[in-house]
Amino acid sequence: MPNEIIHNLLEWIEVAAVGLELLAVIIIVVAALLSTFNFIRSYVTRQPMLASYHAYKVQLGRGLLLGLEMLVAADVVRTVALETSLNSIIFLGLLVLIRTFLSWSLTLEIEHRWPWQHPPN
């Protein structure tokens, strides 16, 4: 009986990790579609191109950041609960390092400041 409970729990954890990955993909795709739609709409309504482009980058970047966070959450769930080998932990560390670099780069691109700096008033 305890083995069956553990097996069911591990299956549920795997489903949760896949669900988080799916949510991440949905977030990224929806952000890309919405930001592209808004950019095209601003072009059609003859908004200033530089402002429209900046708004496009900001909206797309924020969607990517949120999607990356969900992907990392899925990897953490999977690694901690299902694959606690040294290789999987090293792989998770590399993923988090890459995500952190991307997050910093996107924050610098979007907000023109480092993540640890306070936003201007």
PDB file of N, CA and C in Angstrom:
ATOM      1  N   MET A   1       0.809  -1.209   0.000  1.00  0.00           N
ATOM      2  CA  MET A   1       0.000   0.000   0.000  1.00  0.00           C
ATOM      3  C   MET A   1       0.857   1.282   0.000  1.00  0.00           C
ATOM      4  N   PRO A   2       1.892   1.406   0.834  1.00  0.00           N
ATOM      5  CA  PRO A   2       2.697   2.634   0.816  1.00  0.00           C
ATOM      6  C   PRO A   2       3.377   2.866  -0.532  1.00  0.00           C
ATOM      7  N   ASN A   3       3.816   1.797  -1.211  1.00  0.00           N
ATOM      8  CA  ASN A   3       4.439   1.963  -2.527  1.00  0.00           C
ATOM      9  C   ASN A   3       3.451   2.528  -3.539  1.00  0.00           C
ATOM     10  N   GLU A   4       2.208   2.108  -3.448  1.00  0.00           N
ATOM     11  CA  GLU A   4       1.178   2.614  -4.357  1.00  0.00           C
ATOM     12  C   GLU A   4       0.925   4.101  -4.110  1.00  0.00           C
ATOM     13  N   ILE A   5       0.912   4.490  -2.850  1.00  0.00           N
ATOM     14  CA  ILE A   5       0.712   5.911  -2.512  1.00  0.00           C
ATOM     15  C   ILE A   5       1.880   6.741  -3.030  1.00  0.00           C
ATOM     16  N   ILE A   6       3.091   6.263  -2.833  1.00  0.00           N
ATOM     17  CA  ILE A   6       4.272   6.985  -3.317  1.00  0.00           C
ATOM     18  C   ILE A   6       4.246   7.070  -4.844  1.00  0.00           C
ATOM     19  N   HIS A   7       3.896   5.979  -5.491  1.00  0.00           N
ATOM     20  CA  HIS A   7       3.811   5.975  -6.962  1.00  0.00           C
ATOM     21  C   HIS A   7       2.777   6.996  -7.447  1.00  0.00           C
ATOM     22  N   ASN A   8       1.616   7.038  -6.819  1.00  0.00           N
ATOM     23  CA  ASN A   8       0.575   8.007  -7.197  1.00  0.00           C
ATOM     24  C   ASN A   8       1.029   9.436  -6.949  1.00  0.00           C
ATOM     25  N   LEU A   9       1.718   9.655  -5.845  1.00  0.00           N
ATOM     26  CA  LEU A   9       2.227  10.988  -5.533  1.00  0.00           C
ATOM     27  C   LEU A   9       3.248  11.436  -6.575  1.00  0.00           C
ATOM     28  N   LEU A  10       4.147  10.543  -6.959  1.00  0.00           N
ATOM     29  CA  LEU A  10       5.147  10.879  -7.973  1.00  0.00           C
ATOM     30  C   LEU A  10       4.507  11.160  -9.325  1.00  0.00           C
ATOM     31  N   GLU A  11       3.470  10.425  -9.661  1.00  0.00           N
ATOM     32  CA  GLU A  11       2.738  10.695 -10.897  1.00  0.00           C
ATOM     33  C   GLU A  11       2.082  12.072 -10.843  1.00  0.00           C
ATOM     34  N   TRP A  12       1.499  12.423  -9.702  1.00  0.00           N
ATOM     35  CA  TRP A  12       0.861  13.728  -9.550  1.00  0.00           C
ATOM     36  C   TRP A  12       1.892  14.844  -9.665  1.00  0.00           C
ATOM     37  N   ILE A  13       3.069  14.641  -9.088  1.00  0.00           N
ATOM     38  CA  ILE A  13       4.134  15.645  -9.174  1.00  0.00           C
ATOM     39  C   ILE A  13       4.579  15.827 -10.624  1.00  0.00           C
ATOM     40  N   GLU A  14       4.691  14.747 -11.363  1.00  0.00           N
ATOM     41  CA  GLU A  14       5.062  14.836 -12.785  1.00  0.00           C
ATOM     42  C   GLU A  14       4.000  15.599 -13.574  1.00  0.00           C
ATOM     43  N   VAL A  15       2.730  15.326 -13.289  1.00  0.00           N
ATOM     44  CA  VAL A  15       1.641  16.043 -13.949  1.00  0.00           C
ATOM     45  C   VAL A  15       1.714  17.540 -13.611  1.00  0.00           C
ATOM     46  N   ALA A  16       2.024  17.862 -12.362  1.00  0.00           N
ATOM     47  CA  ALA A  16       2.142  19.263 -11.954  1.00  0.00           C
ATOM     48  C   ALA A  16       3.285  19.948 -12.699  1.00  0.00           C
ATOM     49  N   ALA A  17       4.421  19.262 -12.839  1.00  0.00           N
ATOM     50  CA  ALA A  17       5.564  19.837 -13.553  1.00  0.00           C
ATOM     51  C   ALA A  17       5.224  20.073 -15.025  1.00  0.00           C
ATOM     52  N   VAL A  18       4.570  19.103 -15.649  1.00  0.00           N
ATOM     53  CA  VAL A  18       4.162  19.263 -17.050  1.00  0.00           C
ATOM     54  C   VAL A  18       3.138  20.393 -17.175  1.00  0.00           C
ATOM     55  N   GLY A  19       2.236  20.491 -16.208  1.00  0.00           N
ATOM     56  CA  GLY A  19       1.255  21.573 -16.212  1.00  0.00           C
ATOM     57  C   GLY A  19       1.916  22.940 -16.130  1.00  0.00           C
ATOM     58  N   LEU A  20       2.943  23.065 -15.295  1.00  0.00           N
ATOM     59  CA  LEU A  20       3.677  24.330 -15.204  1.00  0.00           C
ATOM     60  C   LEU A  20       4.394  24.651 -16.515  1.00  0.00           C
ATOM     61  N   GLU A  21       4.954  23.628 -17.149  1.00  0.00           N
ATOM     62  CA  GLU A  21       5.610  23.850 -18.442  1.00  0.00           C
ATOM     63  C   GLU A  21       4.603  24.291 -19.501  1.00  0.00           C
ATOM     64  N   LEU A  22       3.464  23.664 -19.501  1.00  0.00           N
ATOM     65  CA  LEU A  22       2.411  24.042 -20.447  1.00  0.00           C
ATOM     66  C   LEU A  22       1.943  25.473 -20.193  1.00  0.00           C
ATOM     67  N   LEU A  23       1.770  25.822 -18.926  1.00  0.00           N
ATOM     68  CA  LEU A  23       1.383  27.188 -18.568  1.00  0.00           C
ATOM     69  C   LEU A  23       2.435  28.188 -19.038  1.00  0.00           C
ATOM     70  N   ALA A  24       3.703  27.841 -18.900  1.00  0.00           N
ATOM     71  CA  ALA A  24       4.783  28.721 -19.352  1.00  0.00           C
ATOM     72  C   ALA A  24       4.707  28.961 -20.851  1.00  0.00           C
ATOM     73  N   VAL A  25       4.485  27.906 -21.601  1.00  0.00           N
ATOM     74  CA  VAL A  25       4.381  28.039 -23.062  1.00  0.00           C
ATOM     75  C   VAL A  25       3.178  28.902 -23.422  1.00  0.00           C
ATOM     76  N   ILE A  26       2.059  28.678 -22.762  1.00  0.00           N
ATOM     77  CA  ILE A  26       0.856  29.476 -23.028  1.00  0.00           C
ATOM     78  C   ILE A  26       1.118  30.948 -22.730  1.00  0.00           C
ATOM     79  N   ILE A  27       1.760  31.232 -21.612  1.00  0.00           N
ATOM     80  CA  ILE A  27       2.066  32.619 -21.247  1.00  0.00           C
ATOM     81  C   ILE A  27       2.937  33.273 -22.314  1.00  0.00           C
ATOM     82  N   ILE A  28       3.972  32.576 -22.761  1.00  0.00           N
ATOM     83  CA  ILE A  28       4.889  33.148 -23.752  1.00  0.00           C
ATOM     84  C   ILE A  28       4.169  33.376 -25.083  1.00  0.00           C
ATOM     85  N   VAL A  29       3.387  32.409 -25.515  1.00  0.00           N
ATOM     86  CA  VAL A  29       2.671  32.537 -26.796  1.00  0.00           C
ATOM     87  C   VAL A  29       1.639  33.662 -26.725  1.00  0.00           C
ATOM     88  N   VAL A  30       0.861  33.707 -25.641  1.00  0.00           N
ATOM     89  CA  VAL A  30      -0.159  34.755 -25.503  1.00  0.00           C
ATOM     90  C   VAL A  30       0.503  36.131 -25.431  1.00  0.00           C
ATOM     91  N   ALA A  31       1.600  36.241 -24.692  1.00  0.00           N
ATOM     92  CA  ALA A  31       2.308  37.530 -24.607  1.00  0.00           C
ATOM     93  C   ALA A  31       2.826  37.956 -25.977  1.00  0.00           C
ATOM     94  N   ALA A  32       3.363  37.010 -26.740  1.00  0.00           N
ATOM     95  CA  ALA A  32       3.868  37.338 -28.077  1.00  0.00           C
ATOM     96  C   ALA A  32       2.729  37.774 -28.998  1.00  0.00           C
ATOM     97  N   LEU A  33       1.622  37.059 -28.947  1.00  0.00           N
ATOM     98  CA  LEU A  33       0.481  37.414 -29.798  1.00  0.00           C
ATOM     99  C   LEU A  33      -0.115  38.766 -29.411  1.00  0.00           C
ATOM    100  N   LEU A  34      -0.338  38.969 -28.101  1.00  0.00           N
ATOM    101  CA  LEU A  34      -0.935  40.237 -27.664  1.00  0.00           C
ATOM    102  C   LEU A  34      -0.027  41.425 -27.943  1.00  0.00           C
ATOM    103  N   SER A  35       1.262  41.273 -27.649  1.00  0.00           N
ATOM    104  CA  SER A  35       2.162  42.395 -27.890  1.00  0.00           C
ATOM    105  C   SER A  35       2.284  42.689 -29.385  1.00  0.00           C
ATOM    106  N   THR A  36       2.285  41.649 -30.220  1.00  0.00           N
ATOM    107  CA  THR A  36       2.331  41.863 -31.668  1.00  0.00           C
ATOM    108  C   THR A  36       1.044  42.516 -32.155  1.00  0.00           C
ATOM    109  N   PHE A  37      -0.099  42.062 -31.655  1.00  0.00           N
ATOM    110  CA  PHE A  37      -1.376  42.669 -32.018  1.00  0.00           C
ATOM    111  C   PHE A  37      -1.392  44.153 -31.636  1.00  0.00           C
ATOM    112  N   ASN A  38      -0.956  44.465 -30.417  1.00  0.00           N
ATOM    113  CA  ASN A  38      -0.928  45.861 -29.973  1.00  0.00           C
ATOM    114  C   ASN A  38       0.024  46.704 -30.823  1.00  0.00           C
ATOM    115  N   PHE A  39       1.169  46.123 -31.218  1.00  0.00           N
ATOM    116  CA  PHE A  39       2.114  46.856 -32.051  1.00  0.00           C
ATOM    117  C   PHE A  39       1.505  47.145 -33.424  1.00  0.00           C
ATOM    118  N   ILE A  40       0.874  46.151 -34.009  1.00  0.00           N
ATOM    119  CA  ILE A  40       0.238  46.350 -35.318  1.00  0.00           C
ATOM    120  C   ILE A  40      -0.885  47.381 -35.210  1.00  0.00           C
ATOM    121  N   ARG A  41      -1.673  47.297 -34.140  1.00  0.00           N
ATOM    122  CA  ARG A  41      -2.756  48.261 -33.941  1.00  0.00           C
ATOM    123  C   ARG A  41      -2.195  49.687 -33.805  1.00  0.00           C
ATOM    124  N   SER A  42      -1.096  49.834 -33.094  1.00  0.00           N
ATOM    125  CA  SER A  42      -0.519  51.175 -32.955  1.00  0.00           C
ATOM    126  C   SER A  42       0.045  51.671 -34.284  1.00  0.00           C
ATOM    127  N   TYR A  43       0.534  50.754 -35.105  1.00  0.00           N
ATOM    128  CA  TYR A  43       1.019  51.138 -36.434  1.00  0.00           C
ATOM    129  C   TYR A  43      -0.141  51.604 -37.314  1.00  0.00           C
ATOM    130  N   VAL A  44      -1.240  50.861 -37.265  1.00  0.00           N
ATOM    131  CA  VAL A  44      -2.413  51.200 -38.083  1.00  0.00           C
ATOM    132  C   VAL A  44      -3.013  52.534 -37.648  1.00  0.00           C
ATOM    133  N   THR A  45      -3.025  52.795 -36.358  1.00  0.00           N
ATOM    134  CA  THR A  45      -3.588  54.056 -35.857  1.00  0.00           C
ATOM    135  C   THR A  45      -2.563  55.193 -35.869  1.00  0.00           C
ATOM    136  N   ARG A  46      -1.422  54.927 -36.510  1.00  0.00           N
ATOM    137  CA  ARG A  46      -0.379  55.937 -36.728  1.00  0.00           C
ATOM    138  C   ARG A  46       0.172  56.531 -35.432  1.00  0.00           C
ATOM    139  N   GLN A  47       0.410  55.668 -34.471  1.00  0.00           N
ATOM    140  CA  GLN A  47       1.087  56.095 -33.248  1.00  0.00           C
ATOM    141  C   GLN A  47       2.569  56.290 -33.565  1.00  0.00           C
ATOM    142  N   PRO A  48       3.276  57.095 -32.760  1.00  0.00           N
ATOM    143  CA  PRO A  48       4.716  57.269 -33.008  1.00  0.00           C
ATOM    144  C   PRO A  48       5.445  55.919 -32.975  1.00  0.00           C
ATOM    145  N   MET A  49       6.250  55.645 -33.987  1.00  0.00           N
ATOM    146  CA  MET A  49       6.879  54.340 -34.149  1.00  0.00           C
ATOM    147  C   MET A  49       7.824  54.004 -32.996  1.00  0.00           C
ATOM    148  N   LEU A  50       8.600  54.960 -32.531  1.00  0.00           N
ATOM    149  CA  LEU A  50       9.554  54.680 -31.459  1.00  0.00           C
ATOM    150  C   LEU A  50       8.827  54.294 -30.167  1.00  0.00           C
ATOM    151  N   ALA A  51       7.767  54.993 -29.834  1.00  0.00           N
ATOM    152  CA  ALA A  51       6.986  54.667 -28.636  1.00  0.00           C
ATOM    153  C   ALA A  51       6.301  53.311 -28.788  1.00  0.00           C
ATOM    154  N   SER A  52       5.789  53.022 -29.970  1.00  0.00           N
ATOM    155  CA  SER A  52       5.136  51.733 -30.218  1.00  0.00           C
ATOM    156  C   SER A  52       6.128  50.585 -30.105  1.00  0.00           C
ATOM    157  N   TYR A  53       7.320  50.797 -30.658  1.00  0.00           N
ATOM    158  CA  TYR A  53       8.352  49.766 -30.592  1.00  0.00           C
ATOM    159  C   TYR A  53       8.779  49.519 -29.151  1.00  0.00           C
ATOM    160  N   HIS A  54       8.956  50.582 -28.386  1.00  0.00           N
ATOM    161  CA  HIS A  54       9.343  50.440 -26.976  1.00  0.00           C
ATOM    162  C   HIS A  54       8.248  49.691 -26.197  1.00  0.00           C
ATOM    163  N   ALA A  55       6.996  50.047 -26.417  1.00  0.00           N
ATOM    164  CA  ALA A  55       5.890  49.365 -25.739  1.00  0.00           C
ATOM    165  C   ALA A  55       5.851  47.892 -26.139  1.00  0.00           C
ATOM    166  N   TYR A  56       6.131  47.593 -27.392  1.00  0.00           N
ATOM    167  CA  TYR A  56       6.170  46.212 -27.884  1.00  0.00           C
ATOM    168  C   TYR A  56       7.244  45.409 -27.152  1.00  0.00           C
ATOM    169  N   LYS A  57       8.450  45.986 -27.056  1.00  0.00           N
ATOM    170  CA  LYS A  57       9.543  45.307 -26.370  1.00  0.00           C
ATOM    171  C   LYS A  57       9.223  45.067 -24.904  1.00  0.00           C
ATOM    172  N   VAL A  58       8.645  46.064 -24.258  1.00  0.00           N
ATOM    173  CA  VAL A  58       8.326  45.939 -22.833  1.00  0.00           C
ATOM    174  C   VAL A  58       7.291  44.846 -22.613  1.00  0.00           C
ATOM    175  N   GLN A  59       6.225  44.867 -23.377  1.00  0.00           N
ATOM    176  CA  GLN A  59       5.160  43.878 -23.198  1.00  0.00           C
ATOM    177  C   GLN A  59       5.665  42.469 -23.515  1.00  0.00           C
ATOM    178  N   LEU A  60       6.399  42.323 -24.586  1.00  0.00           N
ATOM    179  CA  LEU A  60       6.940  41.018 -24.949  1.00  0.00           C
ATOM    180  C   LEU A  60       7.948  40.535 -23.911  1.00  0.00           C
ATOM    181  N   GLY A  61       8.808  41.415 -23.459  1.00  0.00           N
ATOM    182  CA  GLY A  61       9.817  41.061 -22.461  1.00  0.00           C
ATOM    183  C   GLY A  61       9.203  40.612 -21.145  1.00  0.00           C
ATOM    184  N   ARG A  62       8.171  41.285 -20.714  1.00  0.00           N
ATOM    185  CA  ARG A  62       7.507  40.893 -19.466  1.00  0.00           C
ATOM    186  C   ARG A  62       6.845  39.524 -19.592  1.00  0.00           C
ATOM    187  N   GLY A  63       6.265  39.244 -20.736  1.00  0.00           N
ATOM    188  CA  GLY A  63       5.691  37.917 -20.959  1.00  0.00           C
ATOM    189  C   GLY A  63       6.757  36.836 -20.957  1.00  0.00           C
ATOM    190  N   LEU A  64       7.896  37.132 -21.580  1.00  0.00           N
ATOM    191  CA  LEU A  64       8.999  36.175 -21.575  1.00  0.00           C
ATOM    192  C   LEU A  64       9.522  35.930 -20.163  1.00  0.00           C
ATOM    193  N   LEU A  65       9.657  36.997 -19.394  1.00  0.00           N
ATOM    194  CA  LEU A  65      10.129  36.838 -18.015  1.00  0.00           C
ATOM    195  C   LEU A  65       9.198  35.955 -17.195  1.00  0.00           C
ATOM    196  N   LEU A  66       7.909  36.190 -17.324  1.00  0.00           N
ATOM    197  CA  LEU A  66       6.946  35.382 -16.581  1.00  0.00           C
ATOM    198  C   LEU A  66       6.985  33.926 -17.049  1.00  0.00           C
ATOM    199  N   GLY A  67       7.071  33.717 -18.350  1.00  0.00           N
ATOM    200  CA  GLY A  67       7.173  32.359 -18.876  1.00  0.00           C
ATOM    201  C   GLY A  67       8.434  31.650 -18.402  1.00  0.00           C
ATOM    202  N   LEU A  68       9.556  32.373 -18.374  1.00  0.00           N
ATOM    203  CA  LEU A  68      10.800  31.788 -17.877  1.00  0.00           C
ATOM    204  C   LEU A  68      10.684  31.401 -16.408  1.00  0.00           C
ATOM    205  N   GLU A  69      10.022  32.237 -15.622  1.00  0.00           N
ATOM    206  CA  GLU A  69       9.832  31.914 -14.209  1.00  0.00           C
ATOM    207  C   GLU A  69       9.037  30.624 -14.046  1.00  0.00           C
ATOM    208  N   MET A  70       8.010  30.448 -14.863  1.00  0.00           N
ATOM    209  CA  MET A  70       7.205  29.221 -14.793  1.00  0.00           C
ATOM    210  C   MET A  70       8.023  28.004 -15.216  1.00  0.00           C
ATOM    211  N   LEU A  71       8.861  28.157 -16.231  1.00  0.00           N
ATOM    212  CA  LEU A  71       9.703  27.041 -16.650  1.00  0.00           C
ATOM    213  C   LEU A  71      10.680  26.642 -15.553  1.00  0.00           C
ATOM    214  N   VAL A  72      11.236  27.619 -14.874  1.00  0.00           N
ATOM    215  CA  VAL A  72      12.137  27.312 -13.756  1.00  0.00           C
ATOM    216  C   VAL A  72      11.371  26.623 -12.636  1.00  0.00           C
ATOM    217  N   ALA A  73      10.151  27.087 -12.359  1.00  0.00           N
ATOM    218  CA  ALA A  73       9.339  26.439 -11.322  1.00  0.00           C
ATOM    219  C   ALA A  73       9.091  24.978 -11.671  1.00  0.00           C
ATOM    220  N   ALA A  74       8.793  24.709 -12.928  1.00  0.00           N
ATOM    221  CA  ALA A  74       8.573  23.322 -13.360  1.00  0.00           C
ATOM    222  C   ALA A  74       9.835  22.491 -13.189  1.00  0.00           C
ATOM    223  N   ASP A  75      10.976  23.068 -13.531  1.00  0.00           N
ATOM    224  CA  ASP A  75      12.233  22.339 -13.374  1.00  0.00           C
ATOM    225  C   ASP A  75      12.570  22.087 -11.912  1.00  0.00           C
ATOM    226  N   VAL A  76      12.276  23.046 -11.053  1.00  0.00           N
ATOM    227  CA  VAL A  76      12.526  22.860  -9.624  1.00  0.00           C
ATOM    228  C   VAL A  76      11.645  21.734  -9.081  1.00  0.00           C
ATOM    229  N   VAL A  77      10.370  21.757  -9.417  1.00  0.00           N
ATOM    230  CA  VAL A  77       9.453  20.700  -8.955  1.00  0.00           C
ATOM    231  C   VAL A  77       9.950  19.336  -9.414  1.00  0.00           C
ATOM    232  N   ARG A  78      10.291  19.251 -10.689  1.00  0.00           N
ATOM    233  CA  ARG A  78      10.728  17.969 -11.242  1.00  0.00           C
ATOM    234  C   ARG A  78      12.049  17.506 -10.605  1.00  0.00           C
ATOM    235  N   THR A  79      12.998  18.403 -10.461  1.00  0.00           N
ATOM    236  CA  THR A  79      14.312  18.027  -9.937  1.00  0.00           C
ATOM    237  C   THR A  79      14.253  17.661  -8.458  1.00  0.00           C
ATOM    238  N   VAL A  80      13.595  18.481  -7.670  1.00  0.00           N
ATOM    239  CA  VAL A  80      13.560  18.244  -6.230  1.00  0.00           C
ATOM    240  C   VAL A  80      12.752  17.003  -5.887  1.00  0.00           C
ATOM    241  N   ALA A  81      11.643  16.802  -6.559  1.00  0.00           N
ATOM    242  CA  ALA A  81      10.751  15.707  -6.187  1.00  0.00           C
ATOM    243  C   ALA A  81      11.023  14.409  -6.939  1.00  0.00           C
ATOM    244  N   LEU A  82      11.502  14.506  -8.171  1.00  0.00           N
ATOM    245  CA  LEU A  82      11.566  13.296  -8.992  1.00  0.00           C
ATOM    246  C   LEU A  82      12.980  12.852  -9.353  1.00  0.00           C
ATOM    247  N   GLU A  83      13.861  13.777  -9.603  1.00  0.00           N
ATOM    248  CA  GLU A  83      15.188  13.430 -10.135  1.00  0.00           C
ATOM    249  C   GLU A  83      16.289  14.027  -9.261  1.00  0.00           C
ATOM    250  N   THR A  84      16.443  13.553  -8.074  1.00  0.00           N
ATOM    251  CA  THR A  84      17.405  14.145  -7.148  1.00  0.00           C
ATOM    252  C   THR A  84      18.801  13.545  -7.299  1.00  0.00           C
ATOM    253  N   SER A  85      19.292  13.490  -8.536  1.00  0.00           N
ATOM    254  CA  SER A  85      20.660  13.045  -8.776  1.00  0.00           C
ATOM    255  C   SER A  85      21.562  14.280  -8.895  1.00  0.00           C
ATOM    256  N   LEU A  86      22.843  14.065  -8.780  1.00  0.00           N
ATOM    257  CA  LEU A  86      23.796  15.166  -8.889  1.00  0.00           C
ATOM    258  C   LEU A  86      23.716  15.817 -10.265  1.00  0.00           C
ATOM    259  N   ASN A  87      23.573  15.006 -11.316  1.00  0.00           N
ATOM    260  CA  ASN A  87      23.467  15.559 -12.676  1.00  0.00           C
ATOM    261  C   ASN A  87      22.239  16.453 -12.833  1.00  0.00           C
ATOM    262  N   SER A  88      21.096  16.019 -12.304  1.00  0.00           N
ATOM    263  CA  SER A  88      19.887  16.825 -12.449  1.00  0.00           C
ATOM    264  C   SER A  88      19.994  18.118 -11.645  1.00  0.00           C
ATOM    265  N   ILE A  89      20.648  18.075 -10.495  1.00  0.00           N
ATOM    266  CA  ILE A  89      20.820  19.291  -9.697  1.00  0.00           C
ATOM    267  C   ILE A  89      21.771  20.257 -10.396  1.00  0.00           C
ATOM    268  N   ILE A  90      22.834  19.738 -10.994  1.00  0.00           N
ATOM    269  CA  ILE A  90      23.758  20.591 -11.770  1.00  0.00           C
ATOM    270  C   ILE A  90      23.023  21.207 -12.958  1.00  0.00           C
ATOM    271  N   PHE A  91      22.236  20.393 -13.648  1.00  0.00           N
ATOM    272  CA  PHE A  91      21.449  20.886 -14.784  1.00  0.00           C
ATOM    273  C   PHE A  91      20.481  21.985 -14.338  1.00  0.00           C
ATOM    274  N   LEU A  92      19.812  21.776 -13.207  1.00  0.00           N
ATOM    275  CA  LEU A  92      18.899  22.790 -12.677  1.00  0.00           C
ATOM    276  C   LEU A  92      19.657  24.070 -12.344  1.00  0.00           C
ATOM    277  N   GLY A  93      20.829  23.934 -11.754  1.00  0.00           N
ATOM    278  CA  GLY A  93      21.646  25.110 -11.442  1.00  0.00           C
ATOM    279  C   GLY A  93      22.013  25.887 -12.688  1.00  0.00           C
ATOM    280  N   LEU A  94      22.365  25.171 -13.767  1.00  0.00           N
ATOM    281  CA  LEU A  94      22.680  25.849 -15.027  1.00  0.00           C
ATOM    282  C   LEU A  94      21.455  26.545 -15.606  1.00  0.00           C
ATOM    283  N   LEU A  95      20.298  25.881 -15.528  1.00  0.00           N
ATOM    284  CA  LEU A  95      19.065  26.508 -16.012  1.00  0.00           C
ATOM    285  C   LEU A  95      18.751  27.787 -15.234  1.00  0.00           C
ATOM    286  N   VAL A  96      18.892  27.739 -13.932  1.00  0.00           N
ATOM    287  CA  VAL A  96      18.623  28.920 -13.105  1.00  0.00           C
ATOM    288  C   VAL A  96      19.628  30.024 -13.427  1.00  0.00           C
ATOM    289  N   LEU A  97      20.880  29.660 -13.644  1.00  0.00           N
ATOM    290  CA  LEU A  97      21.903  30.645 -14.011  1.00  0.00           C
ATOM    291  C   LEU A  97      21.569  31.317 -15.341  1.00  0.00           C
ATOM    292  N   ILE A  98      21.176  30.517 -16.322  1.00  0.00           N
ATOM    293  CA  ILE A  98      20.793  31.068 -17.626  1.00  0.00           C
ATOM    294  C   ILE A  98      19.563  31.946 -17.492  1.00  0.00           C
ATOM    295  N   ARG A  99      18.561  31.498 -16.736  1.00  0.00           N
ATOM    296  CA  ARG A  99      17.344  32.273 -16.534  1.00  0.00           C
ATOM    297  C   ARG A  99      17.646  33.589 -15.834  1.00  0.00           C
ATOM    298  N   THR A 100      18.546  33.552 -14.873  1.00  0.00           N
ATOM    299  CA  THR A 100      18.916  34.778 -14.168  1.00  0.00           C
ATOM    300  C   THR A 100      19.583  35.763 -15.120  1.00  0.00           C
ATOM    301  N   PHE A 101      20.487  35.275 -15.968  1.00  0.00           N
ATOM    302  CA  PHE A 101      21.135  36.141 -16.949  1.00  0.00           C
ATOM    303  C   PHE A 101      20.108  36.741 -17.911  1.00  0.00           C
ATOM    304  N   LEU A 102      19.182  35.895 -18.398  1.00  0.00           N
ATOM    305  CA  LEU A 102      18.138  36.402 -19.301  1.00  0.00           C
ATOM    306  C   LEU A 102      17.249  37.416 -18.594  1.00  0.00           C
ATOM    307  N   SER A 103      16.910  37.136 -17.360  1.00  0.00           N
ATOM    308  CA  SER A 103      16.062  38.052 -16.594  1.00  0.00           C
ATOM    309  C   SER A 103      16.755  39.401 -16.413  1.00  0.00           C
ATOM    310  N   TRP A 104      18.016  39.370 -16.046  1.00  0.00           N
ATOM    311  CA  TRP A 104      18.758  40.624 -15.885  1.00  0.00           C
ATOM    312  C   TRP A 104      18.842  41.376 -17.207  1.00  0.00           C
ATOM    313  N   SER A 105      19.119  40.640 -18.282  1.00  0.00           N
ATOM    314  CA  SER A 105      19.225  41.282 -19.600  1.00  0.00           C
ATOM    315  C   SER A 105      17.899  41.908 -20.011  1.00  0.00           C
ATOM    316  N   LEU A 106      16.806  41.183 -19.814  1.00  0.00           N
ATOM    317  CA  LEU A 106      15.494  41.718 -20.175  1.00  0.00           C
ATOM    318  C   LEU A 106      15.114  42.912 -19.303  1.00  0.00           C
ATOM    319  N   THR A 107      15.406  42.839 -18.015  1.00  0.00           N
ATOM    320  CA  THR A 107      15.112  43.977 -17.137  1.00  0.00           C
ATOM    321  C   THR A 107      15.903  45.201 -17.563  1.00  0.00           C
ATOM    322  N   LEU A 108      17.181  45.005 -17.877  1.00  0.00           N
ATOM    323  CA  LEU A 108      18.004  46.129 -18.337  1.00  0.00           C
ATOM    324  C   LEU A 108      17.464  46.698 -19.643  1.00  0.00           C
ATOM    325  N   GLU A 109      17.044  45.829 -20.554  1.00  0.00           N
ATOM    326  CA  GLU A 109      16.499  46.270 -21.837  1.00  0.00           C
ATOM    327  C   GLU A 109      15.161  46.988 -21.676  1.00  0.00           C
ATOM    328  N   ILE A 110      14.301  46.460 -20.814  1.00  0.00           N
ATOM    329  CA  ILE A 110      12.954  46.999 -20.666  1.00  0.00           C
ATOM    330  C   ILE A 110      12.937  48.259 -19.805  1.00  0.00           C
ATOM    331  N   GLU A 111      13.590  48.186 -18.655  1.00  0.00           N
ATOM    332  CA  GLU A 111      13.470  49.266 -17.673  1.00  0.00           C
ATOM    333  C   GLU A 111      14.700  50.163 -17.592  1.00  0.00           C
ATOM    334  N   HIS A 112      15.740  49.848 -18.356  1.00  0.00           N
ATOM    335  CA  HIS A 112      16.971  50.639 -18.392  1.00  0.00           C
ATOM    336  C   HIS A 112      17.603  50.777 -17.008  1.00  0.00           C
ATOM    337  N   ARG A 113      17.560  49.694 -16.253  1.00  0.00           N
ATOM    338  CA  ARG A 113      18.192  49.652 -14.934  1.00  0.00           C
ATOM    339  C   ARG A 113      18.464  48.198 -14.592  1.00  0.00           C
ATOM    340  N   TRP A 114      19.392  47.977 -13.667  1.00  0.00           N
ATOM    341  CA  TRP A 114      19.653  46.626 -13.187  1.00  0.00           C
ATOM    342  C   TRP A 114      18.536  46.209 -12.236  1.00  0.00           C
ATOM    343  N   PRO A 115      18.265  44.917 -12.116  1.00  0.00           N
ATOM    344  CA  PRO A 115      17.160  44.468 -11.267  1.00  0.00           C
ATOM    345  C   PRO A 115      17.272  44.901  -9.808  1.00  0.00           C
ATOM    346  N   TRP A 116      18.485  45.074  -9.304  1.00  0.00           N
ATOM    347  CA  TRP A 116      18.650  45.455  -7.904  1.00  0.00           C
ATOM    348  C   TRP A 116      18.589  46.964  -7.683  1.00  0.00           C
ATOM    349  N   GLN A 117      18.495  47.727  -8.731  1.00  0.00           N
ATOM    350  CA  GLN A 117      18.367  49.180  -8.605  1.00  0.00           C
ATOM    351  C   GLN A 117      16.889  49.553  -8.449  1.00  0.00           C
ATOM    352  N   HIS A 118      16.639  50.580  -7.657  1.00  0.00           N
ATOM    353  CA  HIS A 118      15.263  51.050  -7.482  1.00  0.00           C
ATOM    354  C   HIS A 118      14.814  51.765  -8.752  1.00  0.00           C
ATOM    355  N   PRO A 119      13.544  51.574  -9.120  1.00  0.00           N
ATOM    356  CA  PRO A 119      13.036  52.289 -10.291  1.00  0.00           C
ATOM    357  C   PRO A 119      13.003  53.794 -10.023  1.00  0.00           C
ATOM    358  N   PRO A 120      13.227  54.590 -11.058  1.00  0.00           N
ATOM    359  CA  PRO A 120      13.154  56.031 -10.864  1.00  0.00           C
ATOM    360  C   PRO A 120      11.737  56.463 -10.512  1.00  0.00           C
ATOM    361  N   ASN A 121      11.634  57.497  -9.726  1.00  0.00           N
ATOM    362  CA  ASN A 121      10.309  58.002  -9.306  1.00  0.00           C
ATOM    363  C   ASN A 121       9.617  58.735 -10.410  1.00  0.00           C
TER     364      ASN A 121
END
